[in-house]
Structures are given as structure tokens and as C-alpha cells.
Amino acid sequence: MNDRALRPADLVRAARYRAGLTQRALAERAGTAQSVVARIEGGHTDPSSETLVRLLHAAGVELRCRLVDRPVVESHMLDDVDRILALTPAERLRETARVDRFTKAARRV
């Protein structure tokens, strides 16, 4: 993943360039000051999500994000899969109950 692409400064700057706008023109469309756009693009301040969305919309773009599950790799928990699959349904329920009791006890500590 390219973390740099997720920086608000880069997102606002790219959206503004794409729209062919100056900082002042973007600021006017978004209802804010040019200095705000300059500080964001300069990386001197991170905008709130609302401000970021407002600036991007003013440039005619929409930011879309989604969460994607990643496979768990190299986890010690995967070592237990074969054992769990070998349990009967009743044994799995008893093990779940033990884990639940353990978790509740651990929260009290």
C-alpha cells in the first residue's frame, strides 16, 4: 500500500490540479480561506474528515474508502485449526463456554 497517497495534502493537491483550480479558487468553492488550503497542501495541518470531503467535493471529486478483510498469515492461532475441526459439536460448545468464562474473568482484573 502506498501510504503517501493517503495523505490529505496529496489528496487535496491532486484533486485541485485535476480540476485545474488555484488554491484560491478551490477555497472559494469550498467556502474557506486560501491559507487553509495552503496549510493543508503544505502538510502543516491535517483537515478534519468533513473539511477534506468538502475540499474534494469542491474540486469535483469524491473520496471513497472501504474496509477489506486481509487474510491472517503467520498467526499462532492457525496452528489450532486442525484440533478445533476434530472436535465434536458438543466439545466445541464446551470449549467456547470455557473461553467465554476466561474472557469475562480477564475483564474483571
Protein backbone atom coordinates (compact mmCIF):
# COMPACT_ATOMS: atom_id res chain seq x y z
CA MET A 1 0.00 0.00 0.00
CA ASN A 2 1.23 3.47 -0.81
CA ASP A 3 0.70 5.46 2.42
CA ARG A 4 1.75 8.65 0.69
CA ALA A 5 -1.39 8.57 -1.46
CA LEU A 6 -3.47 8.68 1.70
CA ARG A 7 -2.01 11.94 2.97
CA PRO A 8 -4.63 14.72 2.98
CA ALA A 9 -2.07 17.13 1.49
CA ASP A 10 -1.57 14.92 -1.54
CA LEU A 11 -5.27 14.19 -1.95
CA VAL A 12 -6.26 17.87 -1.90
CA ARG A 13 -3.41 18.89 -4.19
CA ALA A 14 -4.16 16.11 -6.71
CA ALA A 15 -7.88 16.96 -6.72
CA ARG A 16 -7.15 20.65 -7.21
CA TYR A 17 -4.71 20.01 -10.08
CA ARG A 18 -7.17 17.61 -11.68
CA ALA A 19 -9.87 20.29 -11.56
CA GLY A 20 -7.47 22.94 -12.90
CA LEU A 21 -8.07 25.18 -9.89
CA THR A 22 -5.82 27.54 -7.99
CA GLN A 23 -5.73 27.32 -4.21
CA ARG A 24 -7.80 30.49 -4.06
CA ALA A 25 -10.45 29.15 -6.46
CA LEU A 26 -10.71 25.86 -4.55
CA ALA A 27 -11.00 27.74 -1.27
CA GLU A 28 -13.78 29.95 -2.64
CA ARG A 29 -15.73 26.93 -3.91
CA ALA A 30 -15.32 25.19 -0.54
CA GLY A 31 -16.19 28.27 1.48
CA THR A 32 -12.86 28.56 3.24
CA ALA A 33 -9.72 30.69 3.10
CA GLN A 34 -6.88 30.16 0.63
CA SER A 35 -4.49 29.97 3.58
CA VAL A 36 -6.36 26.89 4.86
CA VAL A 37 -5.83 25.12 1.52
CA ALA A 38 -2.17 26.17 1.52
CA ARG A 39 -1.59 24.84 5.05
CA ILE A 40 -3.25 21.54 4.18
CA GLU A 41 -1.36 21.11 0.90
CA GLY A 42 1.88 22.07 2.63
CA GLY A 43 1.35 19.32 5.17
CA HIS A 44 1.32 21.80 8.03
CA THR A 45 -2.13 20.76 9.18
CA ASP A 46 -4.43 17.79 8.66
CA PRO A 47 -8.03 18.70 7.94
CA SER A 48 -10.96 17.08 9.66
CA SER A 49 -12.69 14.46 7.55
CA GLU A 50 -15.53 16.92 6.95
CA THR A 51 -13.15 19.60 5.67
CA LEU A 52 -11.32 17.10 3.48
CA VAL A 53 -14.57 15.89 1.92
CA ARG A 54 -15.75 19.49 1.40
CA LEU A 55 -12.50 20.43 -0.38
CA LEU A 56 -12.56 17.33 -2.56
CA HIS A 57 -16.21 17.89 -3.48
CA ALA A 58 -15.38 21.50 -4.35
CA ALA A 59 -12.77 20.12 -6.75
CA GLY A 60 -15.35 17.80 -8.27
CA VAL A 61 -14.07 14.53 -6.85
CA GLU A 62 -15.32 12.07 -4.28
CA LEU A 63 -13.21 10.13 -1.84
CA ARG A 64 -14.32 6.52 -1.47
CA CYS A 65 -12.95 4.26 1.21
CA ARG A 66 -13.77 0.71 2.11
CA LEU A 67 -12.52 -1.82 4.59
CA VAL A 68 -11.22 -5.05 3.10
CA ASP A 69 -10.51 -8.14 5.17
CA ARG A 70 -6.95 -9.32 4.91
CA PRO A 71 -6.03 -12.95 5.36
CA VAL A 72 -4.26 -13.71 8.60
CA VAL A 73 -0.85 -15.08 7.77
CA GLU A 74 1.71 -16.49 10.17
CA SER A 75 -0.65 -16.46 13.13
CA HIS A 76 -0.20 -18.88 16.01
CA MET A 77 -4.00 -19.12 16.07
CA LEU A 78 -3.93 -21.01 12.76
CA ASP A 79 -1.94 -23.77 14.46
CA ASP A 80 -5.07 -24.72 16.39
CA VAL A 81 -7.43 -25.12 13.42
CA ASP A 82 -6.92 -28.86 12.92
CA ARG A 83 -7.52 -29.56 16.62
CA ILE A 84 -10.71 -27.48 16.64
CA LEU A 85 -12.04 -29.11 13.48
CA ALA A 86 -11.52 -32.53 15.05
CA LEU A 87 -13.80 -31.66 17.99
CA THR A 88 -17.41 -32.76 18.06
CA PRO A 89 -20.05 -30.02 18.11
CA ALA A 90 -20.62 -30.62 21.84
CA GLU A 91 -16.88 -30.35 22.54
CA ARG A 92 -16.72 -27.09 20.57
CA LEU A 93 -19.57 -25.66 22.66
CA ARG A 94 -17.82 -26.63 25.91
CA GLU A 95 -14.57 -25.05 24.70
CA THR A 96 -16.42 -21.88 23.69
CA ALA A 97 -18.01 -21.70 27.15
CA ARG A 98 -14.58 -22.05 28.79
CA VAL A 99 -13.14 -19.30 26.60
CA ASP A 100 -16.14 -17.08 27.41
CA ARG A 101 -15.66 -17.60 31.16
CA PHE A 102 -11.94 -16.89 30.82
CA THR A 103 -12.60 -13.69 28.86
CA LYS A 104 -15.13 -12.43 31.41
CA ALA A 105 -12.74 -13.19 34.28
CA ALA A 106 -9.89 -11.43 32.49
CA ARG A 107 -12.01 -8.28 32.05
CA ARG A 108 -12.54 -8.04 35.81
CA VAL A 109 -8.81 -7.98 36.50
